[in-house]
């Protein structure tokens, strides 16, 4: 979150020249995937009945918490087959008193393209919490997802009562994260014992009492302070005891030994050893990559693995993160978003426990130079069989133009189309005007909310209404979506690894934890298939080590696969939107 660039114009010229050299030195195969031209993202927020507006508690005091939120998430809280949505809000501060009490909001999917605000009945408003993020996971394996709301000073864990209501069990569970500024979190099973554990990315030790004056002296020149003005806070790791309580194992595990400026988190198995690792995007300091030692402990290996800093040795303003096989090699690559005058980074997994900064030859770099990326997702938006990259953008300084004339506070979103081998084309101007409208965007959650086979996007905007961007046209290509149910493994199947074969197309994915920025994603794994109508096989390696294989499957359907059983019946009814 650095308004003082560490990527100078001289470096930009160096970047532009080296891009051509890098592409010549390492040529990629010709384009394998062509974007579906008729895909459009349409903003249906109002027509869907979503009236929420994020309140960032803006004040002349420029409290740092005003600019860093907020997240959003998908949760089928009533298990009716339609994904509901959650939007995180701010709260009153010593410098700001809202006209009406603030709360976060849960909207129930009505199954007809509209949503209803059920926050009051459900009891998940998180009143009084200056919210940041949300994480969804079935931590007690009862078949109903639970809700963690992260915020400044504390977190709230809401247990799903399976009747449309939730109970605040934070104190009993022991996951309050008191005194920390929690940003993003991931539910994942780091010891493969069948219970979801919890890792929390914490930010800095800012407080209203230590709110310095930052920026130049003069009218409208005060700015939000730099994270370097405050001490970083170590991540928190909670071990699930299996009885509704958790134990803080941050220090004993090695995860909480060093302070960080944590914002985004994703858990994934980067070396395919069957154990999930932790990546945390740090703001203006080296990122963390915690390698799972398979004995309850982790070692931090970001520098050795090549994901701590950029290829030129610069640490950057890490904010959002995601992992996926974007190069067709069966290994999980990384995307990390940054502030303007830096570059969003694409790290290619080399398969030897290291990554290569492939930002230049992936071609995503230049388009992100004037953007400040937060929420980001690998997603196959046109179902052609290659994961693309989405970025939600918005600067952190409301007066940034006074410092950077070419930079804006509200920014358009970006979509990069993957040619199938990790080279991306900026497709933003081809997918609809609603997609290009400038906003101060933060959290991003991707889901197929209308169950039509293509992926939609929910974005929470700082101090603004959210956007629900419905994908119209992505399902022109074929697809399949898979929900995992663990039995010996955790019920959510987090940590499971999948391989799908459809003729000449081979796809790999994992059920990850965390992802994006402060947000919770669709629990189903989505695969675009292009024009292929038959799936030869789907192979799953569960966290328990058990293997499942299903063969000769039809496309364009939702599959629920249970560990030890195979395909089980579970309806995902299509939304009757009338379009």
Protein backbone atom coordinates (compact mmCIF):
# COMPACT_ATOMS: atom_id res chain seq x y z
CA UNK A 1 0.00 0.00 0.00
CA UNK A 2 2.79 2.35 -0.98
CA UNK A 3 1.98 5.65 -2.69
CA UNK A 4 5.73 6.16 -2.96
CA UNK A 5 6.62 3.93 -5.88
CA UNK A 6 9.45 1.44 -5.66
CA UNK A 7 8.98 0.76 -9.37
CA UNK A 8 10.39 3.84 -11.11
CA UNK A 9 9.82 4.97 -14.68
CA UNK A 10 13.34 3.81 -15.43
CA UNK A 11 12.34 0.36 -14.25
CA UNK A 12 9.20 0.56 -16.38
CA UNK A 13 11.31 1.12 -19.50
CA UNK A 14 13.51 -1.78 -18.39
CA UNK A 15 10.38 -3.88 -18.02
CA UNK A 16 9.06 -3.00 -21.48
CA UNK A 17 12.31 -3.89 -23.19
CA UNK A 18 12.84 -7.06 -21.20
CA UNK A 19 9.31 -8.21 -22.00
CA UNK A 20 10.23 -8.60 -25.66
CA UNK A 21 13.47 -10.37 -24.76
CA UNK A 22 11.67 -12.71 -22.35
CA UNK A 23 9.06 -13.66 -24.93
CA UNK A 24 11.69 -14.33 -27.56
CA UNK A 25 13.84 -16.36 -25.21
CA UNK A 26 10.97 -18.52 -23.94
CA UNK A 27 8.38 -18.87 -26.71
CA UNK A 28 5.03 -20.37 -25.83
CA UNK A 29 2.92 -22.62 -27.93
CA UNK A 30 0.46 -20.95 -30.27
CA UNK A 31 -2.84 -19.89 -28.77
CA UNK A 32 -4.92 -22.90 -27.79
CA UNK A 33 -7.96 -21.17 -26.34
CA UNK A 34 -9.97 -18.46 -28.06
CA UNK A 35 -12.23 -16.24 -25.94
CA UNK A 36 -15.97 -16.64 -26.39
CA UNK A 37 -16.89 -13.25 -27.84
CA UNK A 38 -20.49 -13.25 -26.63
CA UNK A 39 -19.60 -13.39 -22.90
CA UNK A 40 -20.83 -10.33 -21.05
CA UNK A 41 -20.84 -9.51 -17.35
CA UNK A 42 -24.02 -7.66 -16.40
CA UNK A 43 -24.44 -5.78 -13.12
CA UNK A 44 -27.61 -7.22 -11.60
CA UNK A 45 -27.12 -5.88 -8.08
CA UNK A 46 -30.23 -3.69 -8.02
CA UNK A 47 -32.51 -6.03 -9.90
CA UNK A 48 -31.42 -8.82 -7.56
CA UNK A 49 -32.68 -6.78 -4.57
CA UNK A 50 -29.27 -6.15 -2.99
CA UNK A 51 -29.47 -2.76 -1.29
CA UNK A 52 -26.35 -3.02 0.87
CA UNK A 53 -23.81 -0.20 0.79
CA UNK A 54 -20.41 -0.49 2.42
CA UNK A 55 -19.63 2.25 4.96
CA UNK A 56 -15.90 2.74 5.43
CA UNK A 57 -16.33 5.29 8.26
CA UNK A 58 -14.51 7.96 6.26
CA UNK A 59 -13.23 10.80 8.43
CA UNK A 60 -10.77 13.72 8.18
CA UNK A 61 -8.54 11.79 10.61
CA UNK A 62 -7.70 9.28 7.85
CA UNK A 63 -7.86 6.18 10.05
CA UNK A 64 -6.01 3.40 8.27
CA UNK A 65 -8.91 0.96 8.73
CA UNK A 66 -11.09 3.19 6.54
CA UNK A 67 -9.32 2.20 3.35
CA UNK A 68 -8.49 -1.52 3.69
CA UNK A 69 -11.91 -3.25 3.58
CA UNK A 70 -14.06 -4.93 2.77
CA UNK A 71 -14.74 -8.56 1.88
CA UNK A 72 -17.64 -10.66 0.67
CA UNK A 73 -18.48 -14.33 0.40
CA UNK A 74 -20.73 -17.12 -0.83
CA UNK A 75 -22.36 -19.54 1.60
CA UNK A 76 -25.23 -21.96 1.03
CA UNK A 77 -26.23 -21.55 4.66
CA UNK A 78 -29.56 -23.38 4.33
CA UNK A 79 -28.26 -26.11 2.00
CA UNK A 80 -30.99 -25.67 -0.60
CA UNK A 81 -28.56 -25.79 -3.54
CA UNK A 82 -28.51 -22.04 -4.15
CA UNK A 83 -25.58 -19.98 -2.97
CA UNK A 84 -26.38 -17.12 -0.61
CA UNK A 85 -24.09 -14.12 -0.18
CA UNK A 86 -22.50 -12.22 2.68
CA UNK A 87 -21.18 -8.65 2.64
CA UNK A 88 -18.86 -7.26 5.32
CA UNK A 89 -19.30 -3.73 6.66
CA UNK A 90 -17.47 -1.17 8.78
CA UNK A 91 -18.48 0.32 12.12
CA UNK A 92 -18.44 3.53 14.13
CA UNK A 93 -15.04 4.89 15.17
CA UNK A 94 -13.90 7.65 17.56
CA UNK A 95 -13.84 9.92 14.51
CA UNK A 96 -17.06 8.78 12.83
CA UNK A 97 -20.64 8.32 14.00
CA UNK A 98 -22.94 6.87 11.34
CA UNK A 99 -26.51 8.08 10.95
CA UNK A 100 -27.75 4.52 11.42
CA UNK A 101 -26.13 1.54 13.16
CA UNK A 102 -23.92 -0.41 10.80
CA UNK A 103 -23.96 -4.14 10.28
CA UNK A 104 -22.77 -6.71 7.79
CA UNK A 105 -25.43 -8.45 5.74
CA UNK A 106 -26.53 -11.96 4.75
CA UNK A 107 -28.70 -12.22 1.63
CA UNK A 108 -30.63 -15.40 0.90
CA UNK A 109 -30.76 -16.58 -2.70
CA UNK A 110 -34.47 -16.85 -3.55
CA UNK A 111 -33.87 -19.08 -6.57
CA UNK A 112 -35.42 -16.62 -9.01
CA UNK A 113 -32.50 -14.25 -9.56
CA UNK A 114 -33.28 -12.17 -6.47
CA UNK A 115 -31.97 -12.11 -2.90
CA UNK A 116 -33.58 -11.27 0.44
CA UNK A 117 -31.83 -9.68 3.41
CA UNK A 118 -32.11 -12.23 6.23
CA UNK A 119 -29.41 -10.77 8.48
CA UNK A 120 -31.69 -10.10 11.43
CA UNK A 121 -33.28 -13.52 11.49
CA UNK A 122 -29.98 -15.30 10.94
CA UNK A 123 -28.22 -13.26 13.63
CA UNK A 124 -25.01 -12.58 11.69
CA UNK A 125 -24.87 -8.77 11.54
CA UNK A 126 -21.52 -8.50 13.36
CA UNK A 127 -22.69 -5.21 14.86
CA UNK A 128 -19.90 -3.16 16.41
CA UNK A 129 -17.15 -4.99 14.54
CA UNK A 130 -15.15 -2.97 12.05
CA UNK A 131 -15.24 -5.79 9.56
CA UNK A 132 -12.60 -6.76 7.03
CA UNK A 133 -13.04 -10.28 5.70
CA UNK A 134 -15.16 -13.41 5.76
CA UNK A 135 -14.27 -17.11 5.64
CA UNK A 136 -16.72 -20.00 5.26
CA UNK A 137 -16.12 -23.56 6.40
CA UNK A 138 -17.88 -26.49 8.06
CA UNK A 139 -15.52 -26.67 11.04
CA UNK A 140 -17.60 -29.25 12.95
CA UNK A 141 -18.41 -31.50 9.95
CA UNK A 142 -22.16 -31.36 10.52
CA UNK A 143 -23.00 -30.66 6.88
CA UNK A 144 -23.83 -26.96 7.32
CA UNK A 145 -21.23 -24.24 6.62
CA UNK A 146 -20.22 -21.89 9.41
CA UNK A 147 -19.25 -18.24 9.10
CA UNK A 148 -16.16 -16.42 10.35
CA UNK A 149 -16.20 -12.61 10.16
CA UNK A 150 -12.77 -10.99 10.51
CA UNK A 151 -12.14 -7.47 11.65
CA UNK A 152 -10.07 -4.91 13.42
CA UNK A 153 -9.41 -5.97 17.03
CA UNK A 154 -11.29 -9.27 16.95
CA UNK A 155 -13.10 -11.91 14.91
CA UNK A 156 -16.56 -13.46 15.26
CA UNK A 157 -17.31 -17.14 14.62
CA UNK A 158 -20.96 -17.88 13.86
CA UNK A 159 -22.00 -21.51 14.14
CA UNK A 160 -24.72 -22.61 11.74
CA UNK A 161 -27.69 -23.95 13.73
CA UNK A 162 -29.10 -25.73 10.63
CA UNK A 163 -32.42 -23.90 10.94
CA UNK A 164 -31.59 -20.63 9.19
CA UNK A 165 -29.99 -19.09 12.27
CA UNK A 166 -26.47 -18.83 13.66
CA UNK A 167 -24.98 -18.61 17.16
CA UNK A 168 -21.93 -16.58 18.12
CA UNK A 169 -19.54 -19.21 19.52
CA UNK A 170 -16.35 -17.15 19.37
CA UNK A 171 -15.53 -17.31 23.06
CA UNK A 172 -16.20 -21.01 23.45
CA UNK A 173 -14.31 -21.84 20.27
CA UNK A 174 -11.34 -19.68 21.24
CA UNK A 175 -10.84 -17.94 17.88
CA UNK A 176 -11.42 -14.29 18.79
CA UNK A 177 -7.94 -13.29 17.58
CA UNK A 178 -8.15 -10.51 20.15
CA UNK A 179 -5.98 -7.45 19.70
CA UNK A 180 -5.10 -8.34 16.12
CA UNK A 181 -6.17 -6.66 12.91
CA UNK A 182 -7.42 -9.67 10.95
CA UNK A 183 -7.67 -9.22 7.19
CA UNK A 184 -8.18 -12.58 5.44
CA UNK A 185 -8.45 -16.17 6.63
CA UNK A 186 -8.49 -19.71 5.31
CA UNK A 187 -10.16 -22.83 6.62
CA UNK A 188 -7.92 -25.81 5.83
CA UNK A 189 -6.82 -29.10 7.37
CA UNK A 190 -3.08 -28.70 7.85
CA UNK A 191 -2.58 -32.01 9.72
CA UNK A 192 -5.07 -34.09 7.66
CA UNK A 193 -6.94 -35.23 10.77
CA UNK A 194 -10.36 -34.63 9.23
CA UNK A 195 -11.08 -31.31 10.96
CA UNK A 196 -10.74 -27.84 9.48
CA UNK A 197 -8.09 -25.68 11.10
CA UNK A 198 -7.87 -21.92 10.64
CA UNK A 199 -5.10 -19.56 9.54
CA UNK A 200 -5.58 -15.79 9.84
CA UNK A 201 -3.54 -13.19 7.97
CA UNK A 202 -3.10 -10.23 10.31
CA UNK A 203 -2.16 -6.71 9.22
CA UNK A 204 -0.45 -4.00 11.34
CA UNK A 205 -0.70 -2.74 14.93
CA UNK A 206 -2.39 0.56 14.05
CA UNK A 207 -4.76 2.13 16.59
CA UNK A 208 -6.67 5.42 16.83
CA UNK A 209 -4.24 6.46 19.55
CA UNK A 210 -1.34 6.01 17.10
CA UNK A 211 -2.93 7.67 14.11
CA UNK A 212 -0.18 9.90 12.77
CA UNK A 213 -0.51 12.76 10.32
CA UNK A 214 0.76 11.48 6.98
CA UNK A 215 1.11 13.21 3.64
CA UNK A 216 1.94 16.80 2.80
CA UNK A 217 0.66 19.76 4.76
CA UNK A 218 -1.96 21.60 2.79
CA UNK A 219 -5.63 21.51 1.78
CA UNK A 220 -6.78 17.97 0.93
CA UNK A 221 -3.21 16.68 1.10
CA UNK A 222 -3.46 14.50 4.20
CA UNK A 223 -3.11 10.82 3.28
CA UNK A 224 -3.55 7.44 4.88
CA UNK A 225 -0.34 6.32 6.49
CA UNK A 226 2.05 3.77 5.07
CA UNK A 227 2.12 0.29 6.69
CA UNK A 228 5.81 0.78 7.42
CA UNK A 229 4.77 3.35 10.03
CA UNK A 230 3.48 0.48 12.19
CA UNK A 231 4.73 -2.90 13.33
CA UNK A 232 3.49 -5.90 11.41
CA UNK A 233 1.48 -8.59 13.16
CA UNK A 234 2.28 -12.31 12.84
CA UNK A 235 -0.27 -14.67 11.30
CA UNK A 236 -2.42 -16.72 13.66
CA UNK A 237 -2.88 -20.48 13.32
CA UNK A 238 -5.64 -22.27 15.21
CA UNK A 239 -5.74 -26.07 15.49
CA UNK A 240 -9.21 -27.63 15.51
CA UNK A 241 -9.51 -29.87 18.58
CA UNK A 242 -12.49 -31.73 17.11
CA UNK A 243 -14.86 -30.76 19.93
CA UNK A 244 -15.90 -27.27 18.85
CA UNK A 245 -12.81 -25.61 20.31
CA UNK A 246 -9.49 -24.52 18.87
CA UNK A 247 -5.95 -24.16 20.22
CA UNK A 248 -3.66 -21.30 19.20
CA UNK A 249 -0.58 -23.04 17.78
CA UNK A 250 0.85 -19.99 16.02
CA UNK A 251 4.26 -20.10 17.65
CA UNK A 252 4.68 -23.84 18.13
CA UNK A 253 3.83 -24.43 14.46
CA UNK A 254 6.30 -21.80 13.24
CA UNK A 255 3.60 -19.78 11.46
CA UNK A 256 3.43 -16.97 14.02
CA UNK A 257 7.11 -16.38 14.74
CA UNK A 258 7.57 -13.34 12.53
CA UNK A 259 5.50 -10.20 12.05
CA UNK A 260 3.94 -9.57 8.66
CA UNK A 261 1.67 -7.10 6.94
CA UNK A 262 -0.71 -9.86 5.88
CA UNK A 263 -3.62 -9.10 3.57
CA UNK A 264 -4.40 -12.05 1.29
CA UNK A 265 -4.07 -15.76 2.03
CA UNK A 266 -4.43 -18.97 0.03
CA UNK A 267 -3.72 -22.50 1.20
CA UNK A 268 -2.76 -25.06 -1.44
CA UNK A 269 -0.42 -27.98 -1.99
CA UNK A 270 2.28 -26.37 -4.13
CA UNK A 271 4.59 -29.42 -4.19
CA UNK A 272 1.86 -32.09 -4.55
CA UNK A 273 2.96 -34.01 -1.45
CA UNK A 274 -0.60 -34.31 -0.11
CA UNK A 275 -0.28 -31.61 2.56
CA UNK A 276 -1.54 -28.06 2.22
CA UNK A 277 0.90 -25.16 2.46
CA UNK A 278 0.17 -21.49 3.25
CA UNK A 279 0.86 -18.44 1.10
CA UNK A 280 0.31 -14.97 2.57
CA UNK A 281 0.57 -11.78 0.51
CA UNK A 282 2.29 -9.12 2.63
CA UNK A 283 1.91 -5.39 2.11
CA UNK A 284 5.26 -3.71 1.36
CA UNK A 285 7.37 -6.53 2.74
CA UNK A 286 8.36 -9.99 1.48
CA UNK A 287 5.52 -12.49 1.15
CA UNK A 288 5.31 -15.64 3.28
CA UNK A 289 5.20 -19.20 1.98
CA UNK A 290 4.90 -21.71 4.80
CA UNK A 291 5.85 -25.22 3.72
CA UNK A 292 3.98 -27.94 5.58
CA UNK A 293 6.47 -30.21 7.36
CA UNK A 294 3.77 -32.89 7.81
CA UNK A 295 4.39 -33.03 11.56
CA UNK A 296 2.24 -30.09 12.69
CA UNK A 297 4.90 -27.51 11.92
CA UNK A 298 5.78 -25.24 9.01
CA UNK A 299 8.95 -23.60 7.72
CA UNK A 300 8.90 -20.28 5.90
CA UNK A 301 10.45 -20.76 2.43
CA UNK A 302 9.23 -17.81 0.32
CA UNK A 303 12.71 -16.60 -0.64
CA UNK A 304 13.97 -20.08 -1.47
CA UNK A 305 10.80 -20.81 -3.46
CA UNK A 306 11.01 -17.53 -5.37
CA UNK A 307 7.72 -15.94 -4.27
CA UNK A 308 8.90 -13.55 -1.55
CA UNK A 309 9.80 -10.72 -3.91
CA UNK A 310 9.75 -9.87 -7.61
CA UNK A 311 12.34 -11.11 -10.10
CA UNK A 312 14.30 -7.89 -9.63
CA UNK A 313 14.46 -8.41 -5.85
CA UNK A 314 11.82 -5.84 -4.85
CA UNK A 315 9.21 -6.55 -2.22
CA UNK A 316 5.87 -5.08 -3.15
CA UNK A 317 2.43 -4.22 -1.80
CA UNK A 318 0.97 -7.73 -1.79
CA UNK A 319 -2.79 -7.71 -1.38
CA UNK A 320 -4.80 -10.46 -3.13
CA UNK A 321 -3.66 -14.00 -4.00
CA UNK A 322 -4.88 -17.15 -5.72
CA UNK A 323 -3.40 -20.42 -6.98
CA UNK A 324 -4.28 -22.60 -9.97
CA UNK A 325 -2.76 -24.59 -12.79
CA UNK A 326 -2.67 -21.78 -15.36
CA UNK A 327 0.04 -23.28 -17.57
CA UNK A 328 -1.31 -26.78 -18.16
CA UNK A 329 1.54 -28.52 -16.40
CA UNK A 330 -0.35 -30.05 -13.48
CA UNK A 331 1.18 -27.69 -10.92
CA UNK A 332 -0.36 -24.80 -8.99
CA UNK A 333 0.85 -21.36 -10.10
CA UNK A 334 0.34 -18.14 -8.12
CA UNK A 335 -1.12 -14.71 -8.85
CA UNK A 336 -0.48 -11.81 -6.45
CA UNK A 337 -1.93 -8.30 -6.85
CA UNK A 338 -0.12 -5.08 -5.92
CA UNK A 339 -0.40 -1.31 -5.78
CA UNK A 340 -0.10 0.97 -8.80
CA UNK A 341 3.35 1.61 -10.26
CA UNK A 342 4.14 -1.99 -9.43
CA UNK A 343 3.07 -5.07 -11.36
CA UNK A 344 0.68 -7.84 -10.46
CA UNK A 345 2.92 -10.93 -10.26
CA UNK A 346 2.40 -14.27 -11.96
CA UNK A 347 4.61 -16.94 -10.40
CA UNK A 348 4.90 -20.14 -12.46
CA UNK A 349 5.38 -23.36 -10.48
CA UNK A 350 8.47 -25.17 -11.81
CA UNK A 351 7.70 -28.45 -10.07
CA UNK A 352 10.84 -28.54 -7.94
CA UNK A 353 9.45 -26.58 -4.96
CA UNK A 354 10.37 -23.31 -6.68
CA UNK A 355 8.53 -20.73 -8.76
CA UNK A 356 9.64 -18.47 -11.59
CA UNK A 357 8.44 -14.86 -11.80
CA UNK A 358 6.77 -15.20 -15.21
CA UNK A 359 5.02 -11.84 -15.09
CA UNK A 360 6.77 -10.49 -18.17
CA UNK A 361 6.20 -13.40 -20.51
CA UNK A 362 2.64 -13.93 -19.22
CA UNK A 363 1.88 -10.43 -20.58
CA UNK A 364 -0.24 -9.36 -17.59
CA UNK A 365 2.32 -6.82 -16.36
CA UNK A 366 1.84 -3.60 -18.30
CA UNK A 367 -1.97 -3.56 -17.94
CA UNK A 368 -1.62 -3.58 -14.15
CA UNK A 369 1.00 -0.82 -13.87
CA UNK A 370 -1.50 1.98 -13.16
CA UNK A 371 -3.90 -0.24 -11.20
CA UNK A 372 -4.10 -1.18 -7.53
CA UNK A 373 -5.31 -4.76 -7.38
CA UNK A 374 -7.08 -6.31 -4.40
CA UNK A 375 -9.44 -9.24 -4.98
CA UNK A 376 -8.17 -11.63 -7.64
CA UNK A 377 -9.22 -15.03 -8.95
CA UNK A 378 -8.15 -17.62 -11.43
CA UNK A 379 -11.44 -18.42 -13.18
CA UNK A 380 -12.42 -19.88 -16.54
CA UNK A 381 -14.96 -17.20 -17.39
CA UNK A 382 -15.73 -18.52 -20.89
CA UNK A 383 -15.52 -22.28 -20.15
CA UNK A 384 -12.88 -22.89 -22.81
CA UNK A 385 -10.77 -25.12 -20.54
CA UNK A 386 -8.11 -22.63 -19.44
CA UNK A 387 -8.24 -20.57 -16.25
CA UNK A 388 -8.24 -16.83 -16.83
CA UNK A 389 -7.36 -14.06 -14.34
CA UNK A 390 -9.76 -11.55 -12.80
CA UNK A 391 -8.63 -8.52 -10.78
CA UNK A 392 -10.73 -6.04 -8.77
CA UNK A 393 -8.98 -2.68 -8.52
CA UNK A 394 -9.16 0.53 -6.53
CA UNK A 395 -6.51 2.74 -4.96
CA UNK A 396 -5.99 3.15 -1.23
CA UNK A 397 -5.64 6.96 -1.26
CA UNK A 398 -8.76 8.96 -2.02
CA UNK A 399 -6.57 11.90 -3.07
CA UNK A 400 -4.05 9.88 -5.09
CA UNK A 401 -4.32 12.18 -8.12
CA UNK A 402 -2.61 14.91 -6.14
CA UNK A 403 0.42 12.64 -5.92
CA UNK A 404 0.15 10.49 -9.09
CA UNK A 405 -1.57 12.41 -11.87
CA UNK A 406 -2.17 9.31 -13.99
CA UNK A 407 -3.68 7.25 -11.18
CA UNK A 408 -7.33 7.23 -10.10
CA UNK A 409 -8.98 6.30 -6.79
CA UNK A 410 -11.81 4.40 -8.50
CA UNK A 411 -10.54 2.00 -11.16
CA UNK A 412 -12.00 -0.44 -13.68
CA UNK A 413 -11.69 -4.18 -13.22
CA UNK A 414 -9.44 -6.37 -15.36
CA UNK A 415 -9.95 -9.72 -17.04
CA UNK A 416 -7.09 -11.56 -18.71
CA UNK A 417 -7.87 -14.40 -21.11
CA UNK A 418 -5.52 -17.40 -20.96
CA UNK A 419 -4.32 -18.97 -24.22
CA UNK A 420 -4.00 -22.28 -22.37
CA UNK A 421 -0.29 -22.06 -21.65
CA UNK A 422 -0.07 -19.17 -19.22
CA UNK A 423 0.08 -16.29 -21.71
CA UNK A 424 -2.74 -13.83 -21.15
CA UNK A 425 -4.55 -11.27 -23.28
CA UNK A 426 -6.35 -8.31 -21.74
CA UNK A 427 -10.01 -9.02 -22.56
CA UNK A 428 -11.53 -6.31 -20.35
CA UNK A 429 -12.99 -4.26 -23.19
CA UNK A 430 -14.82 -7.27 -24.68
CA UNK A 431 -16.98 -8.38 -21.77
CA UNK A 432 -19.39 -5.51 -21.21
CA UNK A 433 -19.57 -1.91 -20.09
CA UNK A 434 -20.72 -2.78 -16.56
CA UNK A 435 -17.43 -4.57 -16.04
CA UNK A 436 -15.43 -1.47 -16.94
CA UNK A 437 -17.13 1.05 -14.62
CA UNK A 438 -14.58 2.49 -12.15
CA UNK A 439 -15.04 1.49 -8.52
CA UNK A 440 -12.95 1.40 -5.33
CA UNK A 441 -12.97 -2.37 -5.26
CA UNK A 442 -11.66 -4.67 -2.54
CA UNK A 443 -13.00 -8.17 -1.82
CA UNK A 444 -13.90 -10.55 -4.66
CA UNK A 445 -15.88 -13.80 -4.47
CA UNK A 446 -16.54 -15.93 -7.54
CA UNK A 447 -19.45 -18.37 -7.80
CA UNK A 448 -22.08 -19.78 -10.11
CA UNK A 449 -24.91 -18.20 -8.14
CA UNK A 450 -27.58 -18.95 -10.74
CA UNK A 451 -26.47 -22.56 -11.38
CA UNK A 452 -26.22 -22.11 -15.15
CA UNK A 453 -22.68 -23.44 -15.52
CA UNK A 454 -20.67 -20.25 -15.82
CA UNK A 455 -18.94 -18.22 -13.13
CA UNK A 456 -20.33 -14.94 -11.78
CA UNK A 457 -18.45 -12.33 -9.75
CA UNK A 458 -19.34 -10.57 -6.49
CA UNK A 459 -17.25 -7.52 -5.55
CA UNK A 460 -17.50 -5.45 -2.37
CA UNK A 461 -16.49 -1.84 -2.98
CA UNK A 462 -15.00 0.41 -0.33
CA UNK A 463 -17.51 3.08 0.74
CA UNK A 464 -19.77 2.13 -2.18
CA UNK A 465 -22.48 -0.38 -3.11
CA UNK A 466 -21.27 -3.87 -4.09
CA UNK A 467 -21.51 -5.31 -7.58
CA UNK A 468 -22.99 -8.66 -8.54
CA UNK A 469 -21.74 -9.27 -12.08
CA UNK A 470 -23.73 -12.03 -13.76
CA UNK A 471 -21.96 -13.98 -16.48
CA UNK A 472 -24.13 -14.08 -19.60
CA UNK A 473 -22.80 -16.34 -22.34
CA UNK A 474 -20.05 -18.31 -20.62
CA UNK A 475 -22.16 -21.46 -20.70
CA UNK A 476 -22.06 -21.47 -24.50
CA UNK A 477 -19.13 -23.79 -23.93
CA UNK A 478 -19.49 -27.00 -21.94
CA UNK A 479 -18.65 -27.37 -18.25
CA UNK A 480 -18.88 -29.46 -15.11
CA UNK A 481 -18.98 -28.43 -11.43
CA UNK A 482 -18.02 -30.78 -8.63
CA UNK A 483 -18.89 -30.59 -4.93
CA UNK A 484 -16.75 -32.73 -2.65
CA UNK A 485 -17.96 -34.31 0.57
CA UNK A 486 -15.27 -35.71 2.81
CA UNK A 487 -15.91 -38.51 5.28
CA UNK A 488 -12.55 -39.57 6.63
CA UNK A 489 -11.24 -36.23 5.37
CA UNK A 490 -12.78 -32.91 6.43
CA UNK A 491 -16.34 -32.68 5.12
CA UNK A 492 -15.54 -29.71 2.83
CA UNK A 493 -12.84 -31.74 1.10
CA UNK A 494 -10.33 -28.90 1.49
CA UNK A 495 -6.96 -30.22 0.39
CA UNK A 496 -8.34 -32.67 -2.16
CA UNK A 497 -6.56 -32.77 -5.54
CA UNK A 498 -8.44 -33.44 -8.78
CA UNK A 499 -7.44 -34.49 -12.29
CA UNK A 500 -9.99 -34.32 -15.11
CA UNK A 501 -9.49 -35.90 -18.54
CA UNK A 502 -11.76 -35.04 -21.49
CA UNK A 503 -10.17 -36.24 -24.70
CA UNK A 504 -7.14 -34.05 -25.40
CA UNK A 505 -7.94 -31.81 -22.40
CA UNK A 506 -6.32 -32.58 -19.05
CA UNK A 507 -7.16 -30.25 -16.15
CA UNK A 508 -5.92 -30.15 -12.57
CA UNK A 509 -7.33 -28.34 -9.56
CA UNK A 510 -7.37 -28.42 -5.78
CA UNK A 511 -9.95 -27.59 -3.14
CA UNK A 512 -8.12 -24.61 -1.67
CA UNK A 513 -8.57 -22.54 1.48
CA UNK A 514 -8.84 -18.76 1.56
CA UNK A 515 -8.26 -17.23 -1.91
CA UNK A 516 -8.60 -13.69 -3.28
CA UNK A 517 -8.80 -10.91 -0.69
CA UNK A 518 -10.93 -11.04 2.47
CA UNK A 519 -13.50 -13.23 0.70
CA UNK A 520 -15.07 -16.71 0.50
CA UNK A 521 -15.63 -18.59 -2.76
CA UNK A 522 -18.06 -21.08 -4.28
CA UNK A 523 -17.24 -24.45 -2.61
CA UNK A 524 -17.75 -26.31 -5.90
CA UNK A 525 -14.85 -26.87 -8.29
CA UNK A 526 -15.61 -25.56 -11.76
CA UNK A 527 -14.11 -26.89 -15.00
CA UNK A 528 -14.68 -25.41 -18.45
CA UNK A 529 -14.58 -28.00 -21.24
CA UNK A 530 -14.80 -26.00 -24.45
CA UNK A 531 -16.66 -28.00 -27.10
CA UNK A 532 -15.93 -31.36 -25.46
CA UNK A 533 -19.13 -33.18 -24.52
CA UNK A 534 -17.72 -36.24 -22.75
CA UNK A 535 -15.48 -36.53 -19.71
CA UNK A 536 -13.30 -39.62 -19.74
CA UNK A 537 -12.42 -39.54 -16.05
CA UNK A 538 -12.22 -37.55 -12.85
CA UNK A 539 -9.64 -38.69 -10.31
CA UNK A 540 -9.58 -37.39 -6.73
CA UNK A 541 -6.89 -37.80 -4.11
CA UNK A 542 -8.46 -36.92 -0.76
CA UNK A 543 -6.50 -35.44 2.18
CA UNK A 544 -6.84 -38.82 3.92
CA UNK A 545 -4.94 -40.43 1.04
CA UNK A 546 -8.04 -42.26 -0.22
CA UNK A 547 -8.55 -42.17 -3.99
CA UNK A 548 -11.77 -41.92 -6.01
CA UNK A 549 -12.16 -42.31 -9.78
CA UNK A 550 -15.28 -41.70 -11.84
CA UNK A 551 -15.36 -42.48 -15.56
CA UNK A 552 -17.50 -41.72 -18.62
CA UNK A 553 -19.29 -38.65 -17.32
CA UNK A 554 -21.57 -36.30 -19.19
CA UNK A 555 -20.81 -32.59 -19.31
CA UNK A 556 -23.02 -29.65 -18.28
CA UNK A 557 -23.97 -31.02 -14.89
CA UNK A 558 -23.31 -30.66 -11.17
CA UNK A 559 -21.70 -33.66 -9.54
CA UNK A 560 -21.46 -34.38 -5.82
CA UNK A 561 -18.74 -36.89 -5.00
CA UNK A 562 -18.47 -38.36 -1.52
CA UNK A 563 -15.28 -39.86 -0.20
CA UNK A 564 -15.60 -43.64 -0.10
CA UNK A 565 -18.90 -43.70 -2.02
CA UNK A 566 -18.49 -41.87 -5.29
CA UNK A 567 -21.33 -39.93 -6.90
CA UNK A 568 -24.25 -39.17 -4.57
CA UNK A 569 -27.51 -37.39 -5.22
CA UNK A 570 -27.64 -33.70 -4.35
CA UNK A 571 -29.77 -31.19 -6.30
CA UNK A 572 -28.53 -27.83 -7.52
CA UNK A 573 -31.66 -26.33 -9.07
CA UNK A 574 -31.24 -23.70 -11.80
CA UNK A 575 -32.23 -20.18 -10.91
CA UNK A 576 -35.38 -19.08 -12.73
CA UNK A 577 -34.24 -15.59 -13.68
CA UNK A 578 -36.58 -15.07 -16.60
CA UNK A 579 -33.81 -13.92 -18.94
